[in-house]
Amino acid sequence: MTLRTTGNTRRRVLAIGATCALAALATAACGVNEPTTSTAAVAPAGYDAKAPLASKLPQQYRDKGEVVVGTQPDFEPANFTPVGETDIKGYNVDLMNAMAAKLGVKVVWQKVPFDQLLIGMQSKKFDVAIAGMTDRKTRQEQVDFIDYQYAGTVFMVAKGNPKGVTSEVDGGCGIKIGDVKGSDAKRLVDLMAAACTKEGKPPTQLISFPNSSDKNLALTSGRVDAIFWPDMAVSVIQRETGNKLESLPVNFEDKVFLGMTFNKKDTALRDAFLEALKAIHADGTYDSILKKWDVEVINLPTPGINLATL
């Protein structure tokens, strides 16, 4: 069979040939598909190898370019979603983002019910959790804490304190206390109930709710008689409830360490974030964030791992 070419065909062949000749200046061959290789490492999106503490970040997180952080965004000013918005805000968010920036990695936030944070951390559904969780020895058996703040506790009661609650361990016999499911409140209520029972008085009861908004509504509507509340956020709840509440100290509870949590097997990530936390203390970022949110009272000058002894 004879191959026949027309004038147009000859022009196309000449054009192709010229193109190949030019391409040969930049490539080894024209018309031959050869695999290309490169020895240059490509940084994953979200990972900044030039960040101050990038070398501290474990390789698996450099490869991902992100850390997934779990929180329940229902507590202003720590971690909350403002009405009409979708983003999570608060001093916990700012602190976490500042630490991640030191490590050269971005943060991906995951909304998690408070009582699922420990379980989710153990099963690695997220890499870090930060939600104002109290460091306790019993919890240290499940996760590791980096303690980064120091907080006191108060009672919030209806204006005028109609139930006559006092600050002592036996000062709330027979009352109902509301709190978020999975919080540290059960331990405190158990102390109160035991003290009341010892005196022959009705025990204090705990009523659990899925989030802070629900427990606050329960107090203002009279379904519970008191709630526990962090001392640094009294002004927030008074504003949110139209100044219908008042506070009184909890004299049987010392200030406690609050921490972000890590899987106990992920010590390299934990240690990297501790270094990042120390770095934002050193450069003043930590203090600036606390001042921005008006929570300087929680300042823990020397952070550490699993500081709680009770």
Protein backbone atom coordinates (compact mmCIF):
# COMPACT_ATOMS: atom_id res chain seq x y z
CA MET A 1 0.00 0.00 0.00
CA THR A 2 1.45 3.41 -0.99
CA LEU A 3 1.32 6.37 1.40
CA ARG A 4 0.10 9.40 -0.45
CA THR A 5 0.57 12.98 0.79
CA THR A 6 -1.15 16.11 -0.33
CA GLY A 7 0.28 19.61 -0.09
CA ASN A 8 -1.64 20.25 3.14
CA THR A 9 -0.38 17.01 4.61
CA ARG A 10 3.22 17.85 3.71
CA ARG A 11 2.87 21.24 5.40
CA ARG A 12 1.53 19.60 8.56
CA VAL A 13 4.44 17.13 8.65
CA LEU A 14 6.95 19.98 8.22
CA ALA A 15 5.26 21.96 11.04
CA ILE A 16 5.36 18.98 13.36
CA GLY A 17 8.99 18.40 12.56
CA ALA A 18 9.85 22.01 13.34
CA THR A 19 8.01 21.81 16.62
CA CYS A 20 9.91 18.66 17.59
CA ALA A 21 13.20 20.28 16.70
CA LEU A 22 12.46 23.22 19.02
CA ALA A 23 11.24 20.92 21.77
CA ALA A 24 14.46 18.94 21.54
CA LEU A 25 16.31 21.90 22.96
CA ALA A 26 14.49 21.40 26.25
CA THR A 27 13.81 17.67 26.25
CA ALA A 28 15.76 14.57 25.41
CA ALA A 29 13.28 13.28 22.86
CA CYS A 30 10.25 14.26 20.84
CA GLY A 31 7.36 11.91 20.39
CA VAL A 32 8.69 9.48 23.02
CA ASN A 33 6.86 9.39 26.35
CA GLU A 34 9.55 8.83 28.98
CA PRO A 35 8.90 9.00 32.71
CA THR A 36 10.25 12.08 34.45
CA THR A 37 11.81 11.93 37.89
CA SER A 38 12.63 14.58 40.45
CA THR A 39 14.74 14.51 43.58
CA ALA A 40 13.22 17.71 44.97
CA ALA A 41 10.95 17.20 48.01
CA VAL A 42 7.54 18.80 47.64
CA ALA A 43 6.21 20.31 50.89
CA PRO A 44 2.58 19.34 51.55
CA ALA A 45 0.01 22.08 51.50
CA GLY A 46 -0.36 23.54 54.98
CA TYR A 47 3.15 22.65 56.19
CA ASP A 48 5.68 25.44 56.50
CA ALA A 49 9.18 24.01 56.81
CA LYS A 50 10.51 27.50 57.63
CA ALA A 51 8.39 27.89 60.77
CA PRO A 52 10.46 28.40 63.97
CA LEU A 53 9.74 24.94 65.41
CA ALA A 54 8.93 23.04 62.20
CA SER A 55 11.66 20.51 62.92
CA LYS A 56 9.86 19.48 66.13
CA LEU A 57 6.72 18.38 64.28
CA PRO A 58 6.52 14.59 63.77
CA GLN A 59 6.86 13.48 60.15
CA GLN A 60 3.33 12.13 59.84
CA TYR A 61 1.92 15.59 60.55
CA ARG A 62 4.36 17.24 58.16
CA ASP A 63 3.08 14.84 55.50
CA LYS A 64 -0.55 15.70 56.29
CA GLY A 65 0.13 19.40 56.60
CA GLU A 66 -2.46 19.72 59.34
CA VAL A 67 -3.52 18.72 62.82
CA VAL A 68 -7.16 17.96 63.56
CA VAL A 69 -8.30 19.57 66.82
CA GLY A 70 -11.48 18.55 68.61
CA THR A 71 -13.54 20.96 70.72
CA GLN A 72 -17.11 21.62 71.82
CA PRO A 73 -17.70 25.21 70.67
CA ASP A 74 -20.26 26.28 73.23
CA PHE A 75 -18.31 28.14 75.88
CA GLU A 76 -17.51 31.84 75.52
CA PRO A 77 -14.82 33.16 75.75
CA ALA A 78 -12.83 29.91 75.43
CA ASN A 79 -14.24 28.13 72.39
CA PHE A 80 -17.59 29.14 70.89
CA THR A 81 -19.47 29.82 67.68
CA PRO A 82 -21.14 33.25 67.76
CA VAL A 83 -24.81 33.40 66.83
CA GLY A 84 -25.23 33.67 63.07
CA GLU A 85 -21.68 32.49 62.36
CA THR A 86 -20.07 29.14 61.60
CA ASP A 87 -16.44 29.63 62.62
CA ILE A 88 -15.14 28.71 66.07
CA LYS A 89 -13.67 31.59 68.06
CA GLY A 90 -12.20 32.19 71.50
CA TYR A 91 -8.93 32.30 73.37
CA ASN A 92 -8.47 28.53 73.03
CA VAL A 93 -8.73 28.91 69.25
CA ASP A 94 -6.20 31.75 69.21
CA LEU A 95 -3.78 29.84 71.43
CA MET A 96 -4.01 26.69 69.34
CA ASN A 97 -3.51 28.59 66.08
CA ALA A 98 -0.51 30.40 67.54
CA MET A 99 1.12 27.14 68.64
CA ALA A 100 0.43 25.48 65.31
CA ALA A 101 2.01 28.44 63.50
CA LYS A 102 5.21 27.90 65.49
CA LEU A 103 5.22 24.28 64.27
CA GLY A 104 4.42 25.21 60.67
CA VAL A 105 1.14 23.32 60.44
CA LYS A 106 -2.46 24.42 59.95
CA VAL A 107 -5.34 23.59 62.29
CA VAL A 108 -8.51 21.83 61.14
CA TRP A 109 -11.27 22.16 63.74
CA GLN A 110 -13.70 19.35 64.51
CA LYS A 111 -16.82 19.92 66.62
CA VAL A 112 -17.15 17.19 69.25
CA PRO A 113 -19.58 16.74 72.19
CA PHE A 114 -17.66 17.27 75.44
CA ASP A 115 -18.34 13.78 76.76
CA GLN A 116 -16.85 12.30 73.55
CA LEU A 117 -13.52 14.13 73.72
CA LEU A 118 -11.68 11.52 75.80
CA ILE A 119 -13.08 8.61 73.79
CA GLY A 120 -12.35 10.34 70.50
CA MET A 121 -8.78 11.10 71.56
CA GLN A 122 -8.14 7.50 72.54
CA SER A 123 -9.48 6.24 69.19
CA LYS A 124 -7.54 8.92 67.24
CA LYS A 125 -10.61 10.56 65.69
CA PHE A 126 -8.64 13.79 66.07
CA ASP A 127 -5.06 14.62 66.99
CA VAL A 128 -5.50 17.17 69.79
CA ALA A 129 -8.42 18.37 71.91
CA ILE A 130 -8.78 21.73 73.61
CA ALA A 131 -12.00 22.55 75.43
CA GLY A 132 -11.22 23.67 78.97
CA MET A 133 -10.91 20.12 80.32
CA THR A 134 -9.84 19.78 83.95
CA ASP A 135 -6.67 17.75 84.43
CA ARG A 136 -7.36 14.86 86.83
CA LYS A 137 -5.27 11.81 87.72
CA THR A 138 -8.10 9.53 86.60
CA ARG A 139 -8.18 11.24 83.20
CA GLN A 140 -4.39 11.00 82.91
CA GLU A 141 -4.86 7.24 82.69
CA GLN A 142 -6.70 7.79 79.41
CA VAL A 143 -4.93 10.78 77.81
CA ASP A 144 -1.97 13.10 78.34
CA PHE A 145 -2.54 16.72 79.31
CA ILE A 146 -0.53 19.79 78.49
CA ASP A 147 -1.74 22.14 81.21
CA TYR A 148 -1.85 25.73 79.97
CA GLN A 149 -4.26 27.55 82.31
CA TYR A 150 -5.26 27.75 85.95
CA ALA A 151 -8.94 28.21 86.80
CA GLY A 152 -11.13 28.68 89.82
CA THR A 153 -14.77 27.65 90.22
CA VAL A 154 -17.83 29.52 91.45
CA PHE A 155 -21.51 28.75 91.92
CA MET A 156 -23.91 30.65 89.70
CA VAL A 157 -27.36 30.99 91.24
CA ALA A 158 -30.48 33.04 90.55
CA LYS A 159 -30.33 36.69 91.58
CA GLY A 160 -30.97 36.97 95.32
CA ASN A 161 -29.89 33.34 95.91
CA PRO A 162 -33.44 32.08 96.65
CA LYS A 163 -32.25 28.60 97.67
CA GLY A 164 -29.77 30.00 100.19
CA VAL A 165 -26.77 28.19 98.70
CA THR A 166 -23.50 28.82 100.59
CA SER A 167 -19.87 28.36 99.57
CA GLU A 168 -19.21 25.38 101.84
CA VAL A 169 -19.32 21.71 100.88
CA ASP A 170 -22.59 21.26 102.84
CA GLY A 171 -24.05 24.52 101.56
CA GLY A 172 -26.30 23.04 98.89
CA CYS A 173 -28.13 20.13 100.48
CA GLY A 174 -31.19 19.05 98.51
CA ILE A 175 -30.54 21.36 95.55
CA LYS A 176 -30.18 20.42 91.90
CA ILE A 177 -26.95 21.39 90.15
CA GLY A 178 -26.77 21.42 86.37
CA ASP A 179 -23.67 20.79 84.29
CA VAL A 180 -22.45 19.44 80.95
CA LYS A 181 -22.35 15.67 80.58
CA GLY A 182 -18.82 14.36 81.05
CA SER A 183 -17.59 17.42 82.97
CA ASP A 184 -15.80 17.46 86.32
CA ALA A 185 -19.00 18.49 88.13
CA LYS A 186 -19.88 14.94 89.22
CA ARG A 187 -16.87 14.81 91.53
CA LEU A 188 -17.89 18.08 93.21
CA VAL A 189 -21.54 17.10 93.54
CA ASP A 190 -20.51 13.75 95.03
CA LEU A 191 -18.51 15.63 97.68
CA MET A 192 -21.51 17.83 98.45
CA ALA A 193 -23.92 14.90 98.56
CA ALA A 194 -21.68 12.94 100.93
CA ALA A 195 -21.37 15.93 103.30
CA CYS A 196 -25.14 16.44 103.31
CA THR A 197 -25.91 12.76 103.87
CA LYS A 198 -23.46 12.70 106.78
CA GLU A 199 -25.46 15.48 108.41
CA GLY A 200 -28.77 13.71 107.78
CA LYS A 201 -29.80 16.19 105.10
CA PRO A 202 -31.02 15.44 101.56
CA PRO A 203 -28.12 15.00 99.12
CA THR A 204 -27.21 17.37 96.35
CA GLN A 205 -28.26 16.12 92.90
CA LEU A 206 -26.53 16.47 89.52
CA ILE A 207 -28.59 17.07 86.38
CA SER A 208 -26.59 16.63 83.16
CA PHE A 209 -27.07 18.54 79.90
CA PRO A 210 -25.48 18.16 76.45
CA ASN A 211 -23.95 21.65 76.35
CA SER A 212 -23.40 24.87 78.30
CA SER A 213 -26.29 26.71 76.67
CA ASP A 214 -28.76 24.09 77.88
CA LYS A 215 -27.45 24.10 81.44
CA ASN A 216 -27.56 27.91 81.56
CA LEU A 217 -31.16 27.89 80.31
CA ALA A 218 -32.03 25.29 82.95
CA LEU A 219 -30.77 27.65 85.65
CA THR A 220 -32.56 30.76 84.41
CA SER A 221 -35.80 28.79 83.96
CA GLY A 222 -35.63 27.26 87.43
CA ARG A 223 -35.14 23.62 86.40
CA VAL A 224 -31.91 23.57 88.41
CA ASP A 225 -30.87 25.65 91.40
CA ALA A 226 -27.21 26.26 90.65
CA ILE A 227 -24.41 25.53 88.20
CA PHE A 228 -20.63 25.48 88.47
CA TRP A 229 -18.87 28.13 86.41
CA PRO A 230 -15.25 29.23 85.80
CA ASP A 231 -14.38 32.36 87.73
CA MET A 232 -12.89 34.04 84.65
CA ALA A 233 -16.18 33.94 82.71
CA VAL A 234 -18.70 35.28 85.23
CA SER A 235 -19.19 38.50 83.25
CA VAL A 236 -19.97 36.46 80.11
CA ILE A 237 -22.80 34.44 81.64
CA GLN A 238 -24.24 37.50 83.38
CA ARG A 239 -24.36 39.31 80.05
CA GLU A 240 -25.86 36.30 78.24
CA THR A 241 -28.61 35.84 80.85
CA GLY A 242 -29.56 39.49 81.19
CA ASN A 243 -27.91 39.85 84.61
CA LYS A 244 -30.37 37.40 86.17
CA LEU A 245 -27.64 35.49 88.03
CA GLU A 246 -25.07 36.07 90.74
CA SER A 247 -21.95 34.20 91.77
CA LEU A 248 -20.48 32.94 95.02
CA PRO A 249 -17.15 31.16 95.54
CA VAL A 250 -16.77 27.41 95.92
CA ASN A 251 -14.65 27.15 99.06
CA PHE A 252 -14.11 23.38 98.94
CA GLU A 253 -12.44 23.38 95.51
CA ASP A 254 -8.93 24.70 94.91
CA LYS A 255 -7.97 26.17 91.59
CA VAL A 256 -7.40 23.46 88.99
CA PHE A 257 -5.21 22.92 85.96
CA LEU A 258 -6.96 22.91 82.60
CA GLY A 259 -5.24 21.31 79.65
CA MET A 260 -5.28 20.35 76.02
CA THR A 261 -5.22 16.58 75.56
CA PHE A 262 -3.25 14.11 73.43
CA ASN A 263 -3.31 10.40 72.74
CA LYS A 264 -0.94 8.74 75.23
CA LYS A 265 0.94 7.04 72.38
CA ASP A 266 1.48 10.30 70.51
CA THR A 267 4.16 11.69 72.81
CA ALA A 268 6.12 13.28 69.96
CA LEU A 269 3.18 15.50 68.98
CA ARG A 270 2.51 16.29 72.64
CA ASP A 271 6.12 17.34 73.21
CA ALA A 272 6.13 19.44 70.04
CA PHE A 273 3.10 21.38 71.23
CA LEU A 274 4.64 21.87 74.66
CA GLU A 275 7.66 23.47 72.97
CA ALA A 276 5.32 25.65 70.92
CA LEU A 277 3.40 26.68 74.04
CA LYS A 278 6.64 27.67 75.77
CA ALA A 279 7.58 29.66 72.66
CA ILE A 280 4.37 31.72 72.66
CA HIS A 281 4.94 32.41 76.35
CA ALA A 282 8.45 33.62 75.60
CA ASP A 283 7.50 35.97 72.76
CA GLY A 284 4.48 37.46 74.53
CA THR A 285 1.79 35.93 72.30
CA TYR A 286 0.22 33.98 75.18
CA ASP A 287 -0.15 37.10 77.32
CA SER A 288 -1.52 39.11 74.39
CA ILE A 289 -4.22 36.52 73.67
CA LEU A 290 -5.32 36.38 77.32
CA LYS A 291 -5.48 40.17 77.42
CA LYS A 292 -7.48 40.29 74.18
CA TRP A 293 -10.15 38.05 75.71
CA ASP A 294 -9.95 39.61 79.20
CA VAL A 295 -8.98 36.33 80.88
CA GLU A 296 -5.59 37.18 82.40
CA VAL A 297 -6.79 35.46 85.60
CA ILE A 298 -6.21 32.03 84.00
CA ASN A 299 -2.50 32.70 83.32
CA LEU A 300 -0.33 29.67 84.08
CA PRO A 301 3.25 30.97 83.80
CA THR A 302 4.90 27.54 83.68
CA PRO A 303 2.96 25.02 81.55
CA GLY A 304 3.66 21.31 81.84
CA ILE A 305 2.51 17.75 81.24
CA ASN A 306 0.02 16.05 83.59
CA LEU A 307 0.52 18.57 86.42
CA ALA A 308 -2.55 17.53 88.42
CA THR A 309 -1.92 15.36 91.46
CA LEU A 310 -5.53 14.61 92.45
